[in-house]
Amino acid sequence: GRRSKEDQARAMASNVVKNRKWIEQTYAVSDLRKS
């Protein structure tokens, strides 16, 4: 459900470990997605 910044980063990282392009393939275009 609701996540802290650390929880969100950990959840995203678990997916990035499997797919290094997961962030750009998942999130809407934004400056934060790009960074």
PDB file of all heavy atoms in Angstrom:
ATOM      1  N   GLY A   1       0.850  -1.185   0.000  1.00  0.00           N
ATOM      2  CA  GLY A   1       0.000   0.000   0.000  1.00  0.00           C
ATOM      3  C   GLY A   1       0.883   1.231   0.000  1.00  0.00           C
ATOM      4  O   GLY A   1       1.781   1.362  -0.825  1.00  0.00           O
ATOM      5  N   ARG A   2       0.641   2.138   0.978  1.00  0.00           N
ATOM      6  CA  ARG A   2       1.475   3.334   1.086  1.00  0.00           C
ATOM      7  C   ARG A   2       2.908   2.912   1.391  1.00  0.00           C
ATOM      8  O   ARG A   2       3.143   1.986   2.159  1.00  0.00           O
ATOM      9  CB  ARG A   2       0.964   4.246   2.204  1.00  0.00           C
ATOM     10  CG  ARG A   2       1.730   5.565   2.307  1.00  0.00           C
ATOM     11  CD  ARG A   2       1.296   6.377   3.517  1.00  0.00           C
ATOM     12  NE  ARG A   2      -0.122   6.667   3.508  1.00  0.00           N
ATOM     13  CZ  ARG A   2      -0.669   7.797   3.024  1.00  0.00           C
ATOM     14  NH1 ARG A   2       0.101   8.720   2.493  1.00  0.00           N
ATOM     15  NH2 ARG A   2      -1.978   7.969   3.084  1.00  0.00           N
ATOM     16  N   ARG A   3       3.854   3.606   0.754  1.00  0.00           N
ATOM     17  CA  ARG A   3       5.273   3.323   0.963  1.00  0.00           C
ATOM     18  C   ARG A   3       6.030   4.593   1.317  1.00  0.00           C
ATOM     19  O   ARG A   3       5.734   5.663   0.779  1.00  0.00           O
ATOM     20  CB  ARG A   3       5.911   2.755  -0.313  1.00  0.00           C
ATOM     21  CG  ARG A   3       5.370   1.417  -0.751  1.00  0.00           C
ATOM     22  CD  ARG A   3       6.053   0.981  -2.038  1.00  0.00           C
ATOM     23  NE  ARG A   3       5.518  -0.275  -2.533  1.00  0.00           N
ATOM     24  CZ  ARG A   3       5.488  -0.599  -3.817  1.00  0.00           C
ATOM     25  NH1 ARG A   3       5.978   0.219  -4.728  1.00  0.00           N
ATOM     26  NH2 ARG A   3       4.993  -1.761  -4.200  1.00  0.00           N
ATOM     27  N   SER A   4       7.030   4.443   2.168  1.00  0.00           N
ATOM     28  CA  SER A   4       7.985   5.514   2.412  1.00  0.00           C
ATOM     29  C   SER A   4       8.912   5.596   1.195  1.00  0.00           C
ATOM     30  O   SER A   4       8.907   4.701   0.335  1.00  0.00           O
ATOM     31  CB  SER A   4       8.813   5.213   3.659  1.00  0.00           C
ATOM     32  OG  SER A   4       9.639   4.080   3.426  1.00  0.00           O
ATOM     33  N   LYS A   5       9.726   6.622   1.124  1.00  0.00           N
ATOM     34  CA  LYS A   5      10.695   6.727   0.036  1.00  0.00           C
ATOM     35  C   LYS A   5      11.609   5.501   0.017  1.00  0.00           C
ATOM     36  O   LYS A   5      11.908   4.955  -1.049  1.00  0.00           O
ATOM     37  CB  LYS A   5      11.538   7.996   0.174  1.00  0.00           C
ATOM     38  CG  LYS A   5      10.773   9.263  -0.117  1.00  0.00           C
ATOM     39  CD  LYS A   5      11.685  10.470  -0.167  1.00  0.00           C
ATOM     40  CE  LYS A   5      11.921  11.039   1.194  1.00  0.00           C
ATOM     41  NZ  LYS A   5      12.630  12.356   1.138  1.00  0.00           N
ATOM     42  N   GLU A   6      12.023   5.071   1.195  1.00  0.00           N
ATOM     43  CA  GLU A   6      12.911   3.914   1.279  1.00  0.00           C
ATOM     44  C   GLU A   6      12.218   2.634   0.819  1.00  0.00           C
ATOM     45  O   GLU A   6      12.816   1.818   0.109  1.00  0.00           O
ATOM     46  CB  GLU A   6      13.441   3.755   2.710  1.00  0.00           C
ATOM     47  CG  GLU A   6      14.363   4.882   3.156  1.00  0.00           C
ATOM     48  CD  GLU A   6      13.646   6.190   3.522  1.00  0.00           C
ATOM     49  OE1 GLU A   6      12.402   6.185   3.710  1.00  0.00           O
ATOM     50  OE2 GLU A   6      14.335   7.221   3.602  1.00  0.00           O
ATOM     51  N   ASP A   7      10.956   2.468   1.225  1.00  0.00           N
ATOM     52  CA  ASP A   7      10.188   1.289   0.794  1.00  0.00           C
ATOM     53  C   ASP A   7       9.976   1.297  -0.721  1.00  0.00           C
ATOM     54  O   ASP A   7      10.064   0.254  -1.376  1.00  0.00           O
ATOM     55  CB  ASP A   7       8.829   1.228   1.489  1.00  0.00           C
ATOM     56  CG  ASP A   7       8.921   0.929   2.970  1.00  0.00           C
ATOM     57  OD1 ASP A   7       9.951   0.389   3.417  1.00  0.00           O
ATOM     58  OD2 ASP A   7       7.943   1.248   3.687  1.00  0.00           O
ATOM     59  N   GLN A   8       9.673   2.485  -1.270  1.00  0.00           N
ATOM     60  CA  GLN A   8       9.466   2.593  -2.715  1.00  0.00           C
ATOM     61  C   GLN A   8      10.753   2.265  -3.462  1.00  0.00           C
ATOM     62  O   GLN A   8      10.741   1.525  -4.443  1.00  0.00           O
ATOM     63  CB  GLN A   8       8.986   4.004  -3.084  1.00  0.00           C
ATOM     64  CG  GLN A   8       8.726   4.203  -4.568  1.00  0.00           C
ATOM     65  CD  GLN A   8       7.582   3.375  -5.102  1.00  0.00           C
ATOM     66  OE1 GLN A   8       6.665   3.016  -4.375  1.00  0.00           O
ATOM     67  NE2 GLN A   8       7.623   3.075  -6.389  1.00  0.00           N
ATOM     68  N   ALA A   9      11.867   2.790  -2.982  1.00  0.00           N
ATOM     69  CA  ALA A   9      13.152   2.524  -3.628  1.00  0.00           C
ATOM     70  C   ALA A   9      13.495   1.039  -3.574  1.00  0.00           C
ATOM     71  O   ALA A   9      13.970   0.459  -4.561  1.00  0.00           O
ATOM     72  CB  ALA A   9      14.254   3.349  -2.968  1.00  0.00           C
ATOM     73  N   ARG A  10      13.230   0.402  -2.440  1.00  0.00           N
ATOM     74  CA  ARG A  10      13.509  -1.032  -2.282  1.00  0.00           C
ATOM     75  C   ARG A  10      12.629  -1.848  -3.241  1.00  0.00           C
ATOM     76  O   ARG A  10      13.108  -2.782  -3.894  1.00  0.00           O
ATOM     77  CB  ARG A  10      13.267  -1.448  -0.823  1.00  0.00           C
ATOM     78  CG  ARG A  10      13.803  -2.793  -0.452  1.00  0.00           C
ATOM     79  CD  ARG A  10      13.791  -3.072   1.051  1.00  0.00           C
ATOM     80  NE  ARG A  10      12.800  -2.389   1.851  1.00  0.00           N
ATOM     81  CZ  ARG A  10      13.033  -1.291   2.606  1.00  0.00           C
ATOM     82  NH1 ARG A  10      14.229  -0.771   2.670  1.00  0.00           N
ATOM     83  NH2 ARG A  10      12.061  -0.731   3.298  1.00  0.00           N
ATOM     84  N   ALA A  11      11.351  -1.478  -3.355  1.00  0.00           N
ATOM     85  CA  ALA A  11      10.438  -2.188  -4.258  1.00  0.00           C
ATOM     86  C   ALA A  11      10.882  -2.021  -5.712  1.00  0.00           C
ATOM     87  O   ALA A  11      10.912  -2.990  -6.480  1.00  0.00           O
ATOM     88  CB  ALA A  11       9.011  -1.686  -4.070  1.00  0.00           C
ATOM     89  N   MET A  12      11.235  -0.810  -6.076  1.00  0.00           N
ATOM     90  CA  MET A  12      11.697  -0.566  -7.440  1.00  0.00           C
ATOM     91  C   MET A  12      13.000  -1.317  -7.709  1.00  0.00           C
ATOM     92  O   MET A  12      13.163  -1.926  -8.767  1.00  0.00           O
ATOM     93  CB  MET A  12      11.894   0.936  -7.668  1.00  0.00           C
ATOM     94  CG  MET A  12      10.607   1.722  -7.710  1.00  0.00           C
ATOM     95  SD  MET A  12      10.878   3.508  -7.720  1.00  0.00           S
ATOM     96  CE  MET A  12      11.754   3.734  -9.263  1.00  0.00           C
ATOM     97  N   ALA A  13      13.904  -1.276  -6.745  1.00  0.00           N
ATOM     98  CA  ALA A  13      15.207  -1.928  -6.919  1.00  0.00           C
ATOM     99  C   ALA A  13      15.067  -3.429  -7.124  1.00  0.00           C
ATOM    100  O   ALA A  13      15.823  -4.023  -7.904  1.00  0.00           O
ATOM    101  CB  ALA A  13      16.107  -1.626  -5.719  1.00  0.00           C
ATOM    102  N   SER A  14      14.093  -4.047  -6.458  1.00  0.00           N
ATOM    103  CA  SER A  14      13.905  -5.493  -6.638  1.00  0.00           C
ATOM    104  C   SER A  14      13.543  -5.809  -8.083  1.00  0.00           C
ATOM    105  O   SER A  14      13.900  -6.878  -8.603  1.00  0.00           O
ATOM    106  CB  SER A  14      12.849  -6.044  -5.673  1.00  0.00           C
ATOM    107  OG  SER A  14      11.557  -5.631  -6.049  1.00  0.00           O
ATOM    108  N   ASN A  15      12.851  -4.893  -8.749  1.00  0.00           N
ATOM    109  CA  ASN A  15      12.503  -5.078 -10.160  1.00  0.00           C
ATOM    110  C   ASN A  15      13.673  -4.716 -11.073  1.00  0.00           C
ATOM    111  O   ASN A  15      13.893  -5.368 -12.092  1.00  0.00           O
ATOM    112  CB  ASN A  15      11.265  -4.251 -10.507  1.00  0.00           C
ATOM    113  CG  ASN A  15      10.045  -4.741  -9.761  1.00  0.00           C
ATOM    114  OD1 ASN A  15       9.799  -5.936  -9.668  1.00  0.00           O
ATOM    115  ND2 ASN A  15       9.264  -3.829  -9.199  1.00  0.00           N
ATOM    116  N   VAL A  16      14.419  -3.673 -10.713  1.00  0.00           N
ATOM    117  CA  VAL A  16      15.562  -3.255 -11.521  1.00  0.00           C
ATOM    118  C   VAL A  16      16.635  -4.350 -11.553  1.00  0.00           C
ATOM    119  O   VAL A  16      17.298  -4.541 -12.578  1.00  0.00           O
ATOM    120  CB  VAL A  16      16.138  -1.918 -10.993  1.00  0.00           C
ATOM    121  CG1 VAL A  16      17.470  -1.583 -11.659  1.00  0.00           C
ATOM    122  CG2 VAL A  16      15.131  -0.785 -11.214  1.00  0.00           C
ATOM    123  N   VAL A  17      16.775  -5.093 -10.449  1.00  0.00           N
ATOM    124  CA  VAL A  17      17.725  -6.213 -10.423  1.00  0.00           C
ATOM    125  C   VAL A  17      17.396  -7.208 -11.544  1.00  0.00           C
ATOM    126  O   VAL A  17      18.295  -7.774 -12.168  1.00  0.00           O
ATOM    127  CB  VAL A  17      17.710  -6.908  -9.035  1.00  0.00           C
ATOM    128  CG1 VAL A  17      18.398  -8.256  -9.065  1.00  0.00           C
ATOM    129  CG2 VAL A  17      18.342  -6.008  -7.982  1.00  0.00           C
ATOM    130  N   LYS A  18      16.116  -7.387 -11.836  1.00  0.00           N
ATOM    131  CA  LYS A  18      15.677  -8.324 -12.864  1.00  0.00           C
ATOM    132  C   LYS A  18      15.675  -7.709 -14.258  1.00  0.00           C
ATOM    133  O   LYS A  18      15.766  -8.415 -15.262  1.00  0.00           O
ATOM    134  CB  LYS A  18      14.271  -8.822 -12.536  1.00  0.00           C
ATOM    135  CG  LYS A  18      14.197  -9.606 -11.237  1.00  0.00           C
ATOM    136  CD  LYS A  18      12.754  -9.981 -10.918  1.00  0.00           C
ATOM    137  CE  LYS A  18      12.703 -10.727  -9.606  1.00  0.00           C
ATOM    138  NZ  LYS A  18      11.808 -10.136  -8.653  1.00  0.00           N
ATOM    139  N   ASN A  19      15.498  -6.380 -14.339  1.00  0.00           N
ATOM    140  CA  ASN A  19      15.375  -5.684 -15.620  1.00  0.00           C
ATOM    141  C   ASN A  19      15.891  -4.259 -15.430  1.00  0.00           C
ATOM    142  O   ASN A  19      15.203  -3.427 -14.849  1.00  0.00           O
ATOM    143  CB  ASN A  19      13.911  -5.676 -16.084  1.00  0.00           C
ATOM    144  CG  ASN A  19      13.691  -4.837 -17.337  1.00  0.00           C
ATOM    145  OD1 ASN A  19      14.617  -4.295 -17.930  1.00  0.00           O
ATOM    146  ND2 ASN A  19      12.432  -4.717 -17.728  1.00  0.00           N
ATOM    147  N   ARG A  20      17.077  -3.965 -15.918  1.00  0.00           N
ATOM    148  CA  ARG A  20      17.729  -2.667 -15.695  1.00  0.00           C
ATOM    149  C   ARG A  20      16.987  -1.523 -16.394  1.00  0.00           C
ATOM    150  O   ARG A  20      17.247  -0.366 -16.099  1.00  0.00           O
ATOM    151  CB  ARG A  20      19.183  -2.699 -16.161  1.00  0.00           C
ATOM    152  CG  ARG A  20      20.023  -3.735 -15.481  1.00  0.00           C
ATOM    153  CD  ARG A  20      20.819  -3.401 -14.315  1.00  0.00           C
ATOM    154  NE  ARG A  20      21.599  -2.213 -14.232  1.00  0.00           N
ATOM    155  CZ  ARG A  20      22.186  -1.843 -13.100  1.00  0.00           C
ATOM    156  NH1 ARG A  20      22.053  -2.581 -12.009  1.00  0.00           N
ATOM    157  NH2 ARG A  20      22.890  -0.740 -13.051  1.00  0.00           N
ATOM    158  N   LYS A  21      16.073  -1.813 -17.285  1.00  0.00           N
ATOM    159  CA  LYS A  21      15.276  -0.768 -17.948  1.00  0.00           C
ATOM    160  C   LYS A  21      13.860  -0.694 -17.368  1.00  0.00           C
ATOM    161  O   LYS A  21      12.987  -0.024 -17.919  1.00  0.00           O
ATOM    162  CB  LYS A  21      15.214  -1.019 -19.459  1.00  0.00           C
ATOM    163  CG  LYS A  21      16.557  -0.879 -20.148  1.00  0.00           C
ATOM    164  CD  LYS A  21      17.084   0.550 -20.044  1.00  0.00           C
ATOM    165  CE  LYS A  21      18.382   0.720 -20.823  1.00  0.00           C
ATOM    166  NZ  LYS A  21      18.905   2.099 -20.682  1.00  0.00           N
ATOM    167  N   TRP A  22      13.630  -1.380 -16.243  1.00  0.00           N
ATOM    168  CA  TRP A  22      12.295  -1.467 -15.659  1.00  0.00           C
ATOM    169  C   TRP A  22      11.701  -0.096 -15.364  1.00  0.00           C
ATOM    170  O   TRP A  22      10.509   0.128 -15.582  1.00  0.00           O
ATOM    171  CB  TRP A  22      12.345  -2.325 -14.386  1.00  0.00           C
ATOM    172  CG  TRP A  22      11.018  -2.523 -13.752  1.00  0.00           C
ATOM    173  CD1 TRP A  22      10.086  -3.461 -14.076  1.00  0.00           C
ATOM    174  CD2 TRP A  22      10.446  -1.762 -12.684  1.00  0.00           C
ATOM    175  NE1 TRP A  22       8.978  -3.333 -13.278  1.00  0.00           N
ATOM    176  CE2 TRP A  22       9.184  -2.296 -12.414  1.00  0.00           C
ATOM    177  CE3 TRP A  22      10.885  -0.671 -11.938  1.00  0.00           C
ATOM    178  CZ2 TRP A  22       8.342  -1.785 -11.441  1.00  0.00           C
ATOM    179  CZ3 TRP A  22      10.053  -0.157 -10.955  1.00  0.00           C
ATOM    180  CH2 TRP A  22       8.795  -0.714 -10.716  1.00  0.00           C
ATOM    181  N   ILE A  23      12.489   0.841 -14.884  1.00  0.00           N
ATOM    182  CA  ILE A  23      11.956   2.160 -14.509  1.00  0.00           C
ATOM    183  C   ILE A  23      11.386   2.861 -15.725  1.00  0.00           C
ATOM    184  O   ILE A  23      10.235   3.316 -15.706  1.00  0.00           O
ATOM    185  CB  ILE A  23      13.036   3.019 -13.813  1.00  0.00           C
ATOM    186  CG1 ILE A  23      13.399   2.394 -12.460  1.00  0.00           C
ATOM    187  CG2 ILE A  23      12.553   4.462 -13.631  1.00  0.00           C
ATOM    188  CD1 ILE A  23      14.634   2.995 -11.793  1.00  0.00           C
ATOM    189  N   GLU A  24      12.156   2.939 -16.813  1.00  0.00           N
ATOM    190  CA  GLU A  24      11.645   3.647 -17.986  1.00  0.00           C
ATOM    191  C   GLU A  24      10.511   2.885 -18.664  1.00  0.00           C
ATOM    192  O   GLU A  24       9.694   3.485 -19.356  1.00  0.00           O
ATOM    193  CB  GLU A  24      12.765   3.976 -18.970  1.00  0.00           C
ATOM    194  CG  GLU A  24      13.334   2.835 -19.750  1.00  0.00           C
ATOM    195  CD  GLU A  24      14.450   3.256 -20.700  1.00  0.00           C
ATOM    196  OE1 GLU A  24      15.096   4.288 -20.471  1.00  0.00           O
ATOM    197  OE2 GLU A  24      14.669   2.518 -21.669  1.00  0.00           O
ATOM    198  N   GLN A  25      10.437   1.582 -18.447  1.00  0.00           N
ATOM    199  CA  GLN A  25       9.362   0.782 -19.044  1.00  0.00           C
ATOM    200  C   GLN A  25       8.087   0.801 -18.195  1.00  0.00           C
ATOM    201  O   GLN A  25       7.045   0.329 -18.650  1.00  0.00           O
ATOM    202  CB  GLN A  25       9.829  -0.663 -19.233  1.00  0.00           C
ATOM    203  CG  GLN A  25      10.932  -0.808 -20.250  1.00  0.00           C
ATOM    204  CD  GLN A  25      11.551  -2.193 -20.273  1.00  0.00           C
ATOM    205  OE1 GLN A  25      11.230  -3.055 -19.465  1.00  0.00           O
ATOM    206  NE2 GLN A  25      12.463  -2.411 -21.206  1.00  0.00           N
ATOM    207  N   THR A  26       8.169   1.348 -16.979  1.00  0.00           N
ATOM    208  CA  THR A  26       7.044   1.275 -16.052  1.00  0.00           C
ATOM    209  C   THR A  26       6.418   2.638 -15.754  1.00  0.00           C
ATOM    210  O   THR A  26       5.202   2.764 -15.720  1.00  0.00           O
ATOM    211  CB  THR A  26       7.508   0.619 -14.738  1.00  0.00           C
ATOM    212  OG1 THR A  26       7.978  -0.698 -15.041  1.00  0.00           O
ATOM    213  CG2 THR A  26       6.379   0.534 -13.728  1.00  0.00           C
ATOM    214  N   TYR A  27       7.244   3.641 -15.535  1.00  0.00           N
ATOM    215  CA  TYR A  27       6.749   4.937 -15.066  1.00  0.00           C
ATOM    216  C   TYR A  27       6.504   5.901 -16.215  1.00  0.00           C
ATOM    217  O   TYR A  27       7.172   5.849 -17.239  1.00  0.00           O
ATOM    218  CB  TYR A  27       7.747   5.546 -14.067  1.00  0.00           C
ATOM    219  CG  TYR A  27       7.748   4.783 -12.773  1.00  0.00           C
ATOM    220  CD1 TYR A  27       8.585   3.695 -12.587  1.00  0.00           C
ATOM    221  CD2 TYR A  27       6.852   5.096 -11.757  1.00  0.00           C
ATOM    222  CE1 TYR A  27       8.557   2.952 -11.418  1.00  0.00           C
ATOM    223  CE2 TYR A  27       6.812   4.359 -10.594  1.00  0.00           C
ATOM    224  CZ  TYR A  27       7.662   3.295 -10.431  1.00  0.00           C
ATOM    225  OH  TYR A  27       7.615   2.558  -9.278  1.00  0.00           O
ATOM    226  N   ALA A  28       5.544   6.803 -16.000  1.00  0.00           N
ATOM    227  CA  ALA A  28       5.257   7.848 -16.973  1.00  0.00           C
ATOM    228  C   ALA A  28       6.469   8.764 -17.116  1.00  0.00           C
ATOM    229  O   ALA A  28       7.251   8.943 -16.170  1.00  0.00           O
ATOM    230  CB  ALA A  28       4.043   8.661 -16.522  1.00  0.00           C
ATOM    231  N   VAL A  29       6.618   9.339 -18.283  1.00  0.00           N
ATOM    232  CA  VAL A  29       7.730  10.250 -18.546  1.00  0.00           C
ATOM    233  C   VAL A  29       7.691  11.409 -17.553  1.00  0.00           C
ATOM    234  O   VAL A  29       6.651  12.040 -17.350  1.00  0.00           O
ATOM    235  CB  VAL A  29       7.652  10.793 -19.996  1.00  0.00           C
ATOM    236  CG1 VAL A  29       8.710  11.858 -20.234  1.00  0.00           C
ATOM    237  CG2 VAL A  29       7.803   9.661 -20.992  1.00  0.00           C
ATOM    238  N   SER A  30       8.819  11.620 -16.879  1.00  0.00           N
ATOM    239  CA  SER A  30       8.960  12.747 -15.945  1.00  0.00           C
ATOM    240  C   SER A  30      10.443  12.963 -15.681  1.00  0.00           C
ATOM    241  O   SER A  30      11.276  12.104 -15.990  1.00  0.00           O
ATOM    242  CB  SER A  30       8.252  12.447 -14.613  1.00  0.00           C
ATOM    243  OG  SER A  30       8.940  11.428 -13.897  1.00  0.00           O
ATOM    244  N   ASP A  31      10.766  14.111 -15.115  1.00  0.00           N
ATOM    245  CA  ASP A  31      12.161  14.383 -14.764  1.00  0.00           C
ATOM    246  C   ASP A  31      12.668  13.361 -13.752  1.00  0.00           C
ATOM    247  O   ASP A  31      13.818  12.922 -13.824  1.00  0.00           O
ATOM    248  CB  ASP A  31      12.312  15.802 -14.200  1.00  0.00           C
ATOM    249  CG  ASP A  31      12.121  16.865 -15.267  1.00  0.00           C
ATOM    250  OD1 ASP A  31      12.200  16.553 -16.474  1.00  0.00           O
ATOM    251  OD2 ASP A  31      11.881  18.038 -14.891  1.00  0.00           O
ATOM    252  N   LEU A  32      11.808  12.974 -12.788  1.00  0.00           N
ATOM    253  CA  LEU A  32      12.237  12.017 -11.773  1.00  0.00           C
ATOM    254  C   LEU A  32      12.455  10.632 -12.380  1.00  0.00           C
ATOM    255  O   LEU A  32      13.423   9.945 -12.044  1.00  0.00           O
ATOM    256  CB  LEU A  32      11.249  11.963 -10.606  1.00  0.00           C
ATOM    257  CG  LEU A  32      11.629  11.041  -9.448  1.00  0.00           C
ATOM    258  CD1 LEU A  32      13.031  11.349  -8.909  1.00  0.00           C
ATOM    259  CD2 LEU A  32      10.590  11.131  -8.340  1.00  0.00           C
ATOM    260  N   ARG A  33      11.584  10.220 -13.282  1.00  0.00           N
ATOM    261  CA  ARG A  33      11.809   8.932 -13.954  1.00  0.00           C
ATOM    262  C   ARG A  33      13.152   8.952 -14.674  1.00  0.00           C
ATOM    263  O   ARG A  33      13.937   8.014 -14.586  1.00  0.00           O
ATOM    264  CB  ARG A  33      10.697   8.620 -14.954  1.00  0.00           C
ATOM    265  CG  ARG A  33      10.947   7.249 -15.625  1.00  0.00           C
ATOM    266  CD  ARG A  33      10.046   6.984 -16.781  1.00  0.00           C
ATOM    267  NE  ARG A  33      10.645   7.509 -17.998  1.00  0.00           N
ATOM    268  CZ  ARG A  33      10.210   7.228 -19.216  1.00  0.00           C
ATOM    269  NH1 ARG A  33       9.160   6.447 -19.383  1.00  0.00           N
ATOM    270  NH2 ARG A  33      10.783   7.744 -20.260  1.00  0.00           N
ATOM    271  N   LYS A  34      13.429  10.047 -15.351  1.00  0.00           N
ATOM    272  CA  LYS A  34      14.698  10.177 -16.080  1.00  0.00           C
ATOM    273  C   LYS A  34      15.879  10.128 -15.116  1.00  0.00           C
ATOM    274  O   LYS A  34      16.863   9.422 -15.382  1.00  0.00           O
ATOM    275  CB  LYS A  34      14.723  11.463 -16.898  1.00  0.00           C
ATOM    276  CG  LYS A  34      16.007  11.623 -17.709  1.00  0.00           C
ATOM    277  CD  LYS A  34      15.976  12.845 -18.593  1.00  0.00           C
ATOM    278  CE  LYS A  34      17.215  13.060 -19.415  1.00  0.00           C
ATOM    279  NZ  LYS A  34      18.376  12.254 -19.194  1.00  0.00           N
ATOM    280  N   SER A  35      15.802  10.843 -14.005  1.00  0.00           N
ATOM    281  CA  SER A  35      16.947  10.840 -13.088  1.00  0.00           C
ATOM    282  C   SER A  35      17.158   9.462 -12.462  1.00  0.00           C
ATOM    283  O   SER A  35      18.303   9.033 -12.280  1.00  0.00           O
ATOM    284  CB  SER A  35      16.807  11.928 -12.015  1.00  0.00           C
ATOM    285  OG  SER A  35      15.793  11.624 -11.099  1.00  0.00           O
TER     286      SER A  35
END
